[in-house]
């Protein structure tokens, strides 16, 4: 689980600093998905906090569901909003690493 903690901390730091391209590299489907995130639109997002609310181990601990609360604002309107990001993390034994199976947060 130490590796899980390191990978999710890296994801948290990337999101916290609004570095969505780096965060996206921790997603399993990032290179093969047909509808990738629009990083130009995401440049308008500033994250003010990222707090893990719940961690739920699943399937012999090879999958973990994590619920995260993210506060953010868009630079063009400066109104802070809150969202819950439901994350599914999966361990890849071949790569010996954890990957996010969920999409990036949907900042509306």
PDB file of N, CA and C in Angstrom:
ATOM      1  N   UNK A   1       0.811  -1.205   0.000  1.00  0.00           N
ATOM      2  CA  UNK A   1       0.000   0.000   0.000  1.00  0.00           C
ATOM      3  C   UNK A   1       0.855   1.270   0.000  1.00  0.00           C
ATOM      4  N   UNK A   2       2.138   1.158   0.324  1.00  0.00           N
ATOM      5  CA  UNK A   2       2.994   2.336   0.260  1.00  0.00           C
ATOM      6  C   UNK A   2       3.035   2.912  -1.145  1.00  0.00           C
ATOM      7  N   UNK A   3       3.072   2.031  -2.158  1.00  0.00           N
ATOM      8  CA  UNK A   3       3.089   2.491  -3.544  1.00  0.00           C
ATOM      9  C   UNK A   3       1.777   3.206  -3.867  1.00  0.00           C
ATOM     10  N   UNK A   4       0.677   2.662  -3.378  1.00  0.00           N
ATOM     11  CA  UNK A   4      -0.626   3.310  -3.575  1.00  0.00           C
ATOM     12  C   UNK A   4      -0.603   4.722  -2.987  1.00  0.00           C
ATOM     13  N   UNK A   5      -0.083   4.843  -1.788  1.00  0.00           N
ATOM     14  CA  UNK A   5      -0.004   6.154  -1.134  1.00  0.00           C
ATOM     15  C   UNK A   5       0.843   7.134  -1.942  1.00  0.00           C
ATOM     16  N   UNK A   6       1.957   6.668  -2.477  1.00  0.00           N
ATOM     17  CA  UNK A   6       2.835   7.551  -3.269  1.00  0.00           C
ATOM     18  C   UNK A   6       2.159   7.993  -4.573  1.00  0.00           C
ATOM     19  N   UNK A   7       1.514   7.052  -5.258  1.00  0.00           N
ATOM     20  CA  UNK A   7       0.872   7.372  -6.535  1.00  0.00           C
ATOM     21  C   UNK A   7      -0.304   8.324  -6.314  1.00  0.00           C
ATOM     22  N   UNK A   8      -1.136   8.037  -5.311  1.00  0.00           N
ATOM     23  CA  UNK A   8      -2.282   8.918  -5.067  1.00  0.00           C
ATOM     24  C   UNK A   8      -1.831  10.288  -4.547  1.00  0.00           C
ATOM     25  N   UNK A   9      -0.729  10.340  -3.826  1.00  0.00           N
ATOM     26  CA  UNK A   9      -0.192  11.638  -3.384  1.00  0.00           C
ATOM     27  C   UNK A   9       0.302  12.440  -4.588  1.00  0.00           C
ATOM     28  N   UNK A  10       0.911  11.761  -5.546  1.00  0.00           N
ATOM     29  CA  UNK A  10       1.357  12.426  -6.765  1.00  0.00           C
ATOM     30  C   UNK A  10       0.163  12.974  -7.552  1.00  0.00           C
ATOM     31  N   UNK A  11      -0.898  12.171  -7.636  1.00  0.00           N
ATOM     32  CA  UNK A  11      -2.115  12.623  -8.314  1.00  0.00           C
ATOM     33  C   UNK A  11      -2.698  13.834  -7.585  1.00  0.00           C
ATOM     34  N   UNK A  12      -2.773  13.737  -6.273  1.00  0.00           N
ATOM     35  CA  UNK A  12      -3.293  14.848  -5.463  1.00  0.00           C
ATOM     36  C   UNK A  12      -2.481  16.118  -5.711  1.00  0.00           C
ATOM     37  N   UNK A  13      -1.172  16.018  -5.672  1.00  0.00           N
ATOM     38  CA  UNK A  13      -0.317  17.194  -5.886  1.00  0.00           C
ATOM     39  C   UNK A  13      -0.546  17.791  -7.275  1.00  0.00           C
ATOM     40  N   UNK A  14      -0.673  16.935  -8.273  1.00  0.00           N
ATOM     41  CA  UNK A  14      -0.892  17.418  -9.637  1.00  0.00           C
ATOM     42  C   UNK A  14      -2.223  18.153  -9.743  1.00  0.00           C
ATOM     43  N   UNK A  15      -3.263  17.578  -9.160  1.00  0.00           N
ATOM     44  CA  UNK A  15      -4.576  18.229  -9.189  1.00  0.00           C
ATOM     45  C   UNK A  15      -4.540  19.510  -8.363  1.00  0.00           C
ATOM     46  N   UNK A  16      -3.945  19.434  -7.194  1.00  0.00           N
ATOM     47  CA  UNK A  16      -3.883  20.594  -6.290  1.00  0.00           C
ATOM     48  C   UNK A  16      -3.210  21.794  -6.943  1.00  0.00           C
ATOM     49  N   UNK A  17      -2.210  21.528  -7.789  1.00  0.00           N
ATOM     50  CA  UNK A  17      -1.501  22.603  -8.484  1.00  0.00           C
ATOM     51  C   UNK A  17      -2.064  22.840  -9.882  1.00  0.00           C
ATOM     52  N   UNK A  18      -3.244  22.267 -10.149  1.00  0.00           N
ATOM     53  CA  UNK A  18      -3.926  22.425 -11.442  1.00  0.00           C
ATOM     54  C   UNK A  18      -3.055  21.983 -12.612  1.00  0.00           C
ATOM     55  N   UNK A  19      -2.246  20.973 -12.384  1.00  0.00           N
ATOM     56  CA  UNK A  19      -1.400  20.390 -13.433  1.00  0.00           C
ATOM     57  C   UNK A  19      -2.113  19.128 -13.950  1.00  0.00           C
ATOM     58  N   UNK A  20      -3.155  19.347 -14.741  1.00  0.00           N
ATOM     59  CA  UNK A  20      -4.031  18.264 -15.152  1.00  0.00           C
ATOM     60  C   UNK A  20      -3.385  17.318 -16.161  1.00  0.00           C
ATOM     61  N   UNK A  21      -2.456  17.803 -16.936  1.00  0.00           N
ATOM     62  CA  UNK A  21      -1.766  16.919 -17.885  1.00  0.00           C
ATOM     63  C   UNK A  21      -0.923  15.882 -17.135  1.00  0.00           C
ATOM     64  N   UNK A  22      -0.228  16.303 -16.094  1.00  0.00           N
ATOM     65  CA  UNK A  22       0.547  15.357 -15.286  1.00  0.00           C
ATOM     66  C   UNK A  22      -0.386  14.377 -14.576  1.00  0.00           C
ATOM     67  N   UNK A  23      -1.472  14.873 -14.020  1.00  0.00           N
ATOM     68  CA  UNK A  23      -2.447  13.995 -13.362  1.00  0.00           C
ATOM     69  C   UNK A  23      -2.995  12.974 -14.347  1.00  0.00           C
ATOM     70  N   UNK A  24      -3.231  13.390 -15.571  1.00  0.00           N
ATOM     71  CA  UNK A  24      -3.787  12.504 -16.588  1.00  0.00           C
ATOM     72  C   UNK A  24      -2.840  11.352 -16.923  1.00  0.00           C
ATOM     73  N   UNK A  25      -1.543  11.552 -16.782  1.00  0.00           N
ATOM     74  CA  UNK A  25      -0.567  10.486 -17.060  1.00  0.00           C
ATOM     75  C   UNK A  25      -0.680   9.332 -16.067  1.00  0.00           C
ATOM     76  N   UNK A  26      -1.347   9.550 -14.952  1.00  0.00           N
ATOM     77  CA  UNK A  26      -1.531   8.491 -13.953  1.00  0.00           C
ATOM     78  C   UNK A  26      -2.798   7.675 -14.220  1.00  0.00           C
ATOM     79  N   UNK A  27      -3.482   7.997 -15.302  1.00  0.00           N
ATOM     80  CA  UNK A  27      -4.682   7.260 -15.697  1.00  0.00           C
ATOM     81  C   UNK A  27      -4.303   6.135 -16.657  1.00  0.00           C
ATOM     82  N   UNK A  28      -4.888   4.989 -16.468  1.00  0.00           N
ATOM     83  CA  UNK A  28      -4.589   3.810 -17.285  1.00  0.00           C
ATOM     84  C   UNK A  28      -4.952   4.029 -18.752  1.00  0.00           C
ATOM     85  N   UNK A  29      -6.085   4.682 -19.003  1.00  0.00           N
ATOM     86  CA  UNK A  29      -6.573   4.839 -20.374  1.00  0.00           C
ATOM     87  C   UNK A  29      -6.169   6.163 -21.013  1.00  0.00           C
ATOM     88  N   UNK A  30      -5.275   6.881 -20.417  1.00  0.00           N
ATOM     89  CA  UNK A  30      -4.939   8.236 -20.883  1.00  0.00           C
ATOM     90  C   UNK A  30      -4.474   8.267 -22.337  1.00  0.00           C
ATOM     91  N   UNK A  31      -3.719   7.286 -22.769  1.00  0.00           N
ATOM     92  CA  UNK A  31      -3.163   7.310 -24.122  1.00  0.00           C
ATOM     93  C   UNK A  31      -4.082   6.698 -25.166  1.00  0.00           C
ATOM     94  N   UNK A  32      -5.078   5.950 -24.737  1.00  0.00           N
ATOM     95  CA  UNK A  32      -5.920   5.229 -25.698  1.00  0.00           C
ATOM     96  C   UNK A  32      -7.367   5.715 -25.757  1.00  0.00           C
ATOM     97  N   UNK A  33      -7.771   6.629 -24.900  1.00  0.00           N
ATOM     98  CA  UNK A  33      -9.171   7.040 -24.887  1.00  0.00           C
ATOM     99  C   UNK A  33      -9.520   7.884 -26.110  1.00  0.00           C
ATOM    100  N   UNK A  34     -10.743   7.742 -26.561  1.00  0.00           N
ATOM    101  CA  UNK A  34     -11.177   8.450 -27.762  1.00  0.00           C
ATOM    102  C   UNK A  34     -11.588   9.898 -27.483  1.00  0.00           C
ATOM    103  N   UNK A  35     -11.909  10.219 -26.236  1.00  0.00           N
ATOM    104  CA  UNK A  35     -12.338  11.563 -25.879  1.00  0.00           C
ATOM    105  C   UNK A  35     -11.473  12.086 -24.726  1.00  0.00           C
ATOM    106  N   UNK A  36     -10.238  12.521 -25.016  1.00  0.00           N
ATOM    107  CA  UNK A  36      -9.337  12.967 -23.943  1.00  0.00           C
ATOM    108  C   UNK A  36      -9.793  14.297 -23.336  1.00  0.00           C
ATOM    109  N   UNK A  37      -9.301  14.610 -22.144  1.00  0.00           N
ATOM    110  CA  UNK A  37      -9.645  15.891 -21.510  1.00  0.00           C
ATOM    111  C   UNK A  37      -9.217  17.072 -22.377  1.00  0.00           C
ATOM    112  N   UNK A  38      -9.951  18.158 -22.278  1.00  0.00           N
ATOM    113  CA  UNK A  38      -9.616  19.385 -22.993  1.00  0.00           C
ATOM    114  C   UNK A  38      -8.733  20.234 -22.071  1.00  0.00           C
ATOM    115  N   UNK A  39      -7.429  20.088 -22.235  1.00  0.00           N
ATOM    116  CA  UNK A  39      -6.498  20.760 -21.336  1.00  0.00           C
ATOM    117  C   UNK A  39      -6.519  22.278 -21.494  1.00  0.00           C
ATOM    118  N   UNK A  40      -6.939  22.792 -22.651  1.00  0.00           N
ATOM    119  CA  UNK A  40      -7.053  24.240 -22.819  1.00  0.00           C
ATOM    120  C   UNK A  40      -8.131  24.804 -21.904  1.00  0.00           C
ATOM    121  N   UNK A  41      -9.273  24.109 -21.812  1.00  0.00           N
ATOM    122  CA  UNK A  41     -10.338  24.551 -20.904  1.00  0.00           C
ATOM    123  C   UNK A  41      -9.912  24.426 -19.442  1.00  0.00           C
ATOM    124  N   UNK A  42      -9.143  23.397 -19.139  1.00  0.00           N
ATOM    125  CA  UNK A  42      -8.719  23.163 -17.761  1.00  0.00           C
ATOM    126  C   UNK A  42      -7.715  24.199 -17.262  1.00  0.00           C
ATOM    127  N   UNK A  43      -7.092  24.945 -18.152  1.00  0.00           N
ATOM    128  CA  UNK A  43      -6.159  25.996 -17.733  1.00  0.00           C
ATOM    129  C   UNK A  43      -6.876  27.090 -16.946  1.00  0.00           C
ATOM    130  N   UNK A  44      -8.180  27.164 -17.065  1.00  0.00           N
ATOM    131  CA  UNK A  44      -9.014  28.148 -16.379  1.00  0.00           C
ATOM    132  C   UNK A  44      -9.364  27.710 -14.949  1.00  0.00           C
ATOM    133  N   UNK A  45      -8.989  26.503 -14.553  1.00  0.00           N
ATOM    134  CA  UNK A  45      -9.370  25.940 -13.257  1.00  0.00           C
ATOM    135  C   UNK A  45      -8.230  26.098 -12.250  1.00  0.00           C
ATOM    136  N   UNK A  46      -8.559  26.631 -11.080  1.00  0.00           N
ATOM    137  CA  UNK A  46      -7.611  26.728  -9.974  1.00  0.00           C
ATOM    138  C   UNK A  46      -8.177  25.946  -8.790  1.00  0.00           C
ATOM    139  N   UNK A  47      -7.448  24.943  -8.356  1.00  0.00           N
ATOM    140  CA  UNK A  47      -7.886  24.101  -7.248  1.00  0.00           C
ATOM    141  C   UNK A  47      -7.406  24.714  -5.939  1.00  0.00           C
ATOM    142  N   UNK A  48      -8.329  24.838  -4.979  1.00  0.00           N
ATOM    143  CA  UNK A  48      -7.981  25.441  -3.693  1.00  0.00           C
ATOM    144  C   UNK A  48      -7.809  24.402  -2.584  1.00  0.00           C
ATOM    145  N   UNK A  49      -8.446  23.231  -2.742  1.00  0.00           N
ATOM    146  CA  UNK A  49      -8.226  22.165  -1.764  1.00  0.00           C
ATOM    147  C   UNK A  49      -8.597  20.814  -2.360  1.00  0.00           C
ATOM    148  N   UNK A  50      -7.998  19.778  -1.786  1.00  0.00           N
ATOM    149  CA  UNK A  50      -8.194  18.390  -2.227  1.00  0.00           C
ATOM    150  C   UNK A  50      -8.127  17.547  -0.967  1.00  0.00           C
ATOM    151  N   UNK A  51      -9.254  16.947  -0.606  1.00  0.00           N
ATOM    152  CA  UNK A  51      -9.307  16.191   0.643  1.00  0.00           C
ATOM    153  C   UNK A  51      -9.913  14.805   0.406  1.00  0.00           C
ATOM    154  N   UNK A  52      -9.149  13.779   0.786  1.00  0.00           N
ATOM    155  CA  UNK A  52      -9.649  12.410   0.694  1.00  0.00           C
ATOM    156  C   UNK A  52     -10.695  12.223   1.784  1.00  0.00           C
ATOM    157  N   UNK A  53     -11.899  11.816   1.376  1.00  0.00           N
ATOM    158  CA  UNK A  53     -12.999  11.617   2.315  1.00  0.00           C
ATOM    159  C   UNK A  53     -13.164  10.155   2.708  1.00  0.00           C
ATOM    160  N   UNK A  54     -12.875   9.250   1.765  1.00  0.00           N
ATOM    161  CA  UNK A  54     -13.084   7.835   2.043  1.00  0.00           C
ATOM    162  C   UNK A  54     -12.194   6.986   1.138  1.00  0.00           C
ATOM    163  N   UNK A  55     -11.648   5.897   1.703  1.00  0.00           N
ATOM    164  CA  UNK A  55     -10.854   4.918   0.952  1.00  0.00           C
ATOM    165  C   UNK A  55     -11.480   3.552   1.195  1.00  0.00           C
ATOM    166  N   UNK A  56     -11.825   2.865   0.106  1.00  0.00           N
ATOM    167  CA  UNK A  56     -12.496   1.566   0.204  1.00  0.00           C
ATOM    168  C   UNK A  56     -11.705   0.526  -0.583  1.00  0.00           C
ATOM    169  N   UNK A  57     -10.919  -0.343   0.096  1.00  0.00           N
ATOM    170  CA  UNK A  57     -10.202  -1.417  -0.617  1.00  0.00           C
ATOM    171  C   UNK A  57     -11.202  -2.434  -1.173  1.00  0.00           C
ATOM    172  N   UNK A  58     -10.886  -2.962  -2.375  1.00  0.00           N
ATOM    173  CA  UNK A  58     -11.758  -3.933  -3.039  1.00  0.00           C
ATOM    174  C   UNK A  58     -10.916  -5.062  -3.638  1.00  0.00           C
ATOM    175  N   UNK A  59     -11.528  -6.173  -3.981  1.00  0.00           N
ATOM    176  CA  UNK A  59     -10.894  -7.263  -4.741  1.00  0.00           C
ATOM    177  C   UNK A  59      -9.481  -7.600  -4.276  1.00  0.00           C
ATOM    178  N   UNK A  60      -9.350  -8.120  -3.100  1.00  0.00           N
ATOM    179  CA  UNK A  60      -8.027  -8.499  -2.576  1.00  0.00           C
ATOM    180  C   UNK A  60      -7.032  -7.357  -2.613  1.00  0.00           C
ATOM    181  N   UNK A  61      -7.526  -6.155  -2.451  1.00  0.00           N
ATOM    182  CA  UNK A  61      -6.706  -4.934  -2.417  1.00  0.00           C
ATOM    183  C   UNK A  61      -6.008  -4.615  -3.738  1.00  0.00           C
ATOM    184  N   UNK A  62      -6.452  -5.216  -4.851  1.00  0.00           N
ATOM    185  CA  UNK A  62      -5.896  -4.861  -6.159  1.00  0.00           C
ATOM    186  C   UNK A  62      -6.661  -3.690  -6.772  1.00  0.00           C
ATOM    187  N   UNK A  63      -7.797  -3.335  -6.161  1.00  0.00           N
ATOM    188  CA  UNK A  63      -8.562  -2.162  -6.568  1.00  0.00           C
ATOM    189  C   UNK A  63      -8.934  -1.391  -5.313  1.00  0.00           C
ATOM    190  N   UNK A  64      -8.927  -0.077  -5.456  1.00  0.00           N
ATOM    191  CA  UNK A  64      -9.296   0.791  -4.336  1.00  0.00           C
ATOM    192  C   UNK A  64     -10.196   1.891  -4.875  1.00  0.00           C
ATOM    193  N   UNK A  65     -11.311   2.079  -4.186  1.00  0.00           N
ATOM    194  CA  UNK A  65     -12.200   3.202  -4.501  1.00  0.00           C
ATOM    195  C   UNK A  65     -11.884   4.307  -3.507  1.00  0.00           C
ATOM    196  N   UNK A  66     -11.710   5.502  -4.031  1.00  0.00           N
ATOM    197  CA  UNK A  66     -11.372   6.642  -3.183  1.00  0.00           C
ATOM    198  C   UNK A  66     -12.320   7.794  -3.524  1.00  0.00           C
ATOM    199  N   UNK A  67     -12.913   8.355  -2.511  1.00  0.00           N
ATOM    200  CA  UNK A  67     -13.806   9.508  -2.692  1.00  0.00           C
ATOM    201  C   UNK A  67     -13.049  10.745  -2.210  1.00  0.00           C
ATOM    202  N   UNK A  68     -12.980  11.749  -3.080  1.00  0.00           N
ATOM    203  CA  UNK A  68     -12.210  12.954  -2.802  1.00  0.00           C
ATOM    204  C   UNK A  68     -13.091  14.188  -2.976  1.00  0.00           C
ATOM    205  N   UNK A  69     -12.948  15.139  -2.070  1.00  0.00           N
ATOM    206  CA  UNK A  69     -13.635  16.423  -2.195  1.00  0.00           C
ATOM    207  C   UNK A  69     -12.638  17.450  -2.711  1.00  0.00           C
ATOM    208  N   UNK A  70     -13.022  18.123  -3.786  1.00  0.00           N
ATOM    209  CA  UNK A  70     -12.150  19.119  -4.409  1.00  0.00           C
ATOM    210  C   UNK A  70     -12.877  20.460  -4.440  1.00  0.00           C
ATOM    211  N   UNK A  71     -12.211  21.488  -3.931  1.00  0.00           N
ATOM    212  CA  UNK A  71     -12.712  22.864  -4.044  1.00  0.00           C
ATOM    213  C   UNK A  71     -11.900  23.553  -5.127  1.00  0.00           C
ATOM    214  N   UNK A  72     -12.588  24.342  -5.941  1.00  0.00           N
ATOM    215  CA  UNK A  72     -11.919  24.986  -7.075  1.00  0.00           C
ATOM    216  C   UNK A  72     -12.697  26.229  -7.498  1.00  0.00           C
ATOM    217  N   UNK A  73     -12.070  27.029  -8.347  1.00  0.00           N
ATOM    218  CA  UNK A  73     -12.770  28.136  -8.990  1.00  0.00           C
ATOM    219  C   UNK A  73     -12.245  28.284 -10.404  1.00  0.00           C
ATOM    220  N   UNK A  74     -13.043  28.914 -11.230  1.00  0.00           N
ATOM    221  CA  UNK A  74     -12.637  29.247 -12.593  1.00  0.00           C
ATOM    222  C   UNK A  74     -12.129  30.680 -12.568  1.00  0.00           C
ATOM    223  N   UNK A  75     -11.012  30.919 -13.220  1.00  0.00           N
ATOM    224  CA  UNK A  75     -10.386  32.243 -13.145  1.00  0.00           C
ATOM    225  C   UNK A  75     -11.238  33.338 -13.774  1.00  0.00           C
ATOM    226  N   UNK A  76     -12.192  32.973 -14.624  1.00  0.00           N
ATOM    227  CA  UNK A  76     -13.014  34.005 -15.256  1.00  0.00           C
ATOM    228  C   UNK A  76     -14.214  34.441 -14.412  1.00  0.00           C
ATOM    229  N   UNK A  77     -14.549  33.694 -13.322  1.00  0.00           N
ATOM    230  CA  UNK A  77     -15.671  34.146 -12.498  1.00  0.00           C
ATOM    231  C   UNK A  77     -15.377  34.142 -10.996  1.00  0.00           C
ATOM    232  N   UNK A  78     -14.313  33.514 -10.567  1.00  0.00           N
ATOM    233  CA  UNK A  78     -13.837  33.555  -9.184  1.00  0.00           C
ATOM    234  C   UNK A  78     -14.863  33.072  -8.148  1.00  0.00           C
ATOM    235  N   UNK A  79     -15.766  32.188  -8.536  1.00  0.00           N
ATOM    236  CA  UNK A  79     -16.742  31.618  -7.603  1.00  0.00           C
ATOM    237  C   UNK A  79     -16.265  30.218  -7.230  1.00  0.00           C
ATOM    238  N   UNK A  80     -16.011  30.011  -5.943  1.00  0.00           N
ATOM    239  CA  UNK A  80     -15.520  28.704  -5.513  1.00  0.00           C
ATOM    240  C   UNK A  80     -16.650  27.682  -5.533  1.00  0.00           C
ATOM    241  N   UNK A  81     -16.319  26.499  -6.039  1.00  0.00           N
ATOM    242  CA  UNK A  81     -17.266  25.389  -6.100  1.00  0.00           C
ATOM    243  C   UNK A  81     -16.625  24.164  -5.464  1.00  0.00           C
ATOM    244  N   UNK A  82     -17.463  23.190  -5.141  1.00  0.00           N
ATOM    245  CA  UNK A  82     -17.006  21.939  -4.548  1.00  0.00           C
ATOM    246  C   UNK A  82     -17.549  20.782  -5.370  1.00  0.00           C
ATOM    247  N   UNK A  83     -16.711  19.771  -5.562  1.00  0.00           N
ATOM    248  CA  UNK A  83     -17.170  18.566  -6.240  1.00  0.00           C
ATOM    249  C   UNK A  83     -16.626  17.340  -5.511  1.00  0.00           C
ATOM    250  N   UNK A  84     -17.318  16.233  -5.674  1.00  0.00           N
ATOM    251  CA  UNK A  84     -16.836  14.951  -5.179  1.00  0.00           C
ATOM    252  C   UNK A  84     -16.337  14.169  -6.377  1.00  0.00           C
ATOM    253  N   UNK A  85     -15.111  13.670  -6.279  1.00  0.00           N
ATOM    254  CA  UNK A  85     -14.520  12.876  -7.350  1.00  0.00           C
ATOM    255  C   UNK A  85     -14.439  11.437  -6.869  1.00  0.00           C
ATOM    256  N   UNK A  86     -15.178  10.563  -7.536  1.00  0.00           N
ATOM    257  CA  UNK A  86     -15.210   9.138  -7.210  1.00  0.00           C
ATOM    258  C   UNK A  86     -14.138   8.462  -8.064  1.00  0.00           C
ATOM    259  N   UNK A  87     -13.072   8.018  -7.420  1.00  0.00           N
ATOM    260  CA  UNK A  87     -11.915   7.465  -8.124  1.00  0.00           C
ATOM    261  C   UNK A  87     -11.848   5.951  -7.954  1.00  0.00           C
ATOM    262  N   UNK A  88     -11.531   5.263  -9.037  1.00  0.00           N
ATOM    263  CA  UNK A  88     -11.258   3.835  -8.969  1.00  0.00           C
ATOM    264  C   UNK A  88      -9.795   3.640  -9.356  1.00  0.00           C
ATOM    265  N   UNK A  89      -9.001   3.171  -8.411  1.00  0.00           N
ATOM    266  CA  UNK A  89      -7.585   2.897  -8.623  1.00  0.00           C
ATOM    267  C   UNK A  89      -7.401   1.387  -8.751  1.00  0.00           C
ATOM    268  N   UNK A  90      -6.536   0.979  -9.684  1.00  0.00           N
ATOM    269  CA  UNK A  90      -6.316  -0.451  -9.924  1.00  0.00           C
ATOM    270  C   UNK A  90      -4.820  -0.738 -10.027  1.00  0.00           C
ATOM    271  N   UNK A  91      -4.419  -1.817  -9.370  1.00  0.00           N
ATOM    272  CA  UNK A  91      -3.013  -2.226  -9.420  1.00  0.00           C
ATOM    273  C   UNK A  91      -2.785  -3.074 -10.663  1.00  0.00           C
ATOM    274  N   UNK A  92      -1.754  -2.738 -11.430  1.00  0.00           N
ATOM    275  CA  UNK A  92      -1.366  -3.502 -12.613  1.00  0.00           C
ATOM    276  C   UNK A  92      -0.122  -4.306 -12.248  1.00  0.00           C
ATOM    277  N   UNK A  93      -0.290  -5.621 -12.092  1.00  0.00           N
ATOM    278  CA  UNK A  93       0.815  -6.486 -11.656  1.00  0.00           C
ATOM    279  C   UNK A  93       1.944  -6.511 -12.681  1.00  0.00           C
ATOM    280  N   UNK A  94       1.623  -6.413 -13.960  1.00  0.00           N
ATOM    281  CA  UNK A  94       2.652  -6.432 -15.008  1.00  0.00           C
ATOM    282  C   UNK A  94       3.546  -5.194 -14.913  1.00  0.00           C
ATOM    283  N   UNK A  95       2.938  -4.041 -14.688  1.00  0.00           N
ATOM    284  CA  UNK A  95       3.693  -2.781 -14.558  1.00  0.00           C
ATOM    285  C   UNK A  95       4.175  -2.525 -13.140  1.00  0.00           C
ATOM    286  N   UNK A  96       3.614  -3.281 -12.195  1.00  0.00           N
ATOM    287  CA  UNK A  96       3.905  -3.092 -10.767  1.00  0.00           C
ATOM    288  C   UNK A  96       3.637  -1.648 -10.335  1.00  0.00           C
ATOM    289  N   UNK A  97       2.450  -1.166 -10.756  1.00  0.00           N
ATOM    290  CA  UNK A  97       2.086   0.204 -10.435  1.00  0.00           C
ATOM    291  C   UNK A  97       0.571   0.325 -10.318  1.00  0.00           C
ATOM    292  N   UNK A  98       0.130   1.408  -9.681  1.00  0.00           N
ATOM    293  CA  UNK A  98      -1.282   1.735  -9.554  1.00  0.00           C
ATOM    294  C   UNK A  98      -1.653   2.736 -10.635  1.00  0.00           C
ATOM    295  N   UNK A  99      -2.867   2.597 -11.175  1.00  0.00           N
ATOM    296  CA  UNK A  99      -3.374   3.518 -12.193  1.00  0.00           C
ATOM    297  C   UNK A  99      -4.797   3.918 -11.847  1.00  0.00           C
ATOM    298  N   UNK A 100      -5.133   5.140 -12.184  1.00  0.00           N
ATOM    299  CA  UNK A 100      -6.500   5.609 -12.034  1.00  0.00           C
ATOM    300  C   UNK A 100      -7.313   5.137 -13.227  1.00  0.00           C
ATOM    301  N   UNK A 101      -8.422   4.456 -12.978  1.00  0.00           N
ATOM    302  CA  UNK A 101      -9.316   3.982 -14.043  1.00  0.00           C
ATOM    303  C   UNK A 101     -10.397   5.019 -14.351  1.00  0.00           C
ATOM    304  N   UNK A 102     -10.629   5.950 -13.457  1.00  0.00           N
ATOM    305  CA  UNK A 102     -11.656   6.978 -13.627  1.00  0.00           C
ATOM    306  C   UNK A 102     -11.123   8.119 -14.488  1.00  0.00           C
ATOM    307  N   UNK A 103     -12.041   8.933 -14.961  1.00  0.00           N
ATOM    308  CA  UNK A 103     -11.655  10.135 -15.694  1.00  0.00           C
ATOM    309  C   UNK A 103     -11.215  11.216 -14.701  1.00  0.00           C
ATOM    310  N   UNK A 104     -10.615  12.264 -15.227  1.00  0.00           N
ATOM    311  CA  UNK A 104     -10.275  13.419 -14.388  1.00  0.00           C
ATOM    312  C   UNK A 104     -11.563  14.037 -13.843  1.00  0.00           C
ATOM    313  N   UNK A 105     -11.465  14.808 -12.776  1.00  0.00           N
ATOM    314  CA  UNK A 105     -12.669  15.454 -12.234  1.00  0.00           C
ATOM    315  C   UNK A 105     -13.368  16.298 -13.293  1.00  0.00           C
ATOM    316  N   UNK A 106     -14.694  16.374 -13.180  1.00  0.00           N
ATOM    317  CA  UNK A 106     -15.505  17.160 -14.104  1.00  0.00           C
ATOM    318  C   UNK A 106     -15.766  18.527 -13.473  1.00  0.00           C
ATOM    319  N   UNK A 107     -14.963  19.488 -13.849  1.00  0.00           N
ATOM    320  CA  UNK A 107     -15.084  20.846 -13.306  1.00  0.00           C
ATOM    321  C   UNK A 107     -16.142  21.590 -14.118  1.00  0.00           C
ATOM    322  N   UNK A 108     -17.334  21.730 -13.564  1.00  0.00           N
ATOM    323  CA  UNK A 108     -18.441  22.391 -14.294  1.00  0.00           C
ATOM    324  C   UNK A 108     -18.521  23.846 -13.955  1.00  0.00           C
TER     325      UNK A 108
END
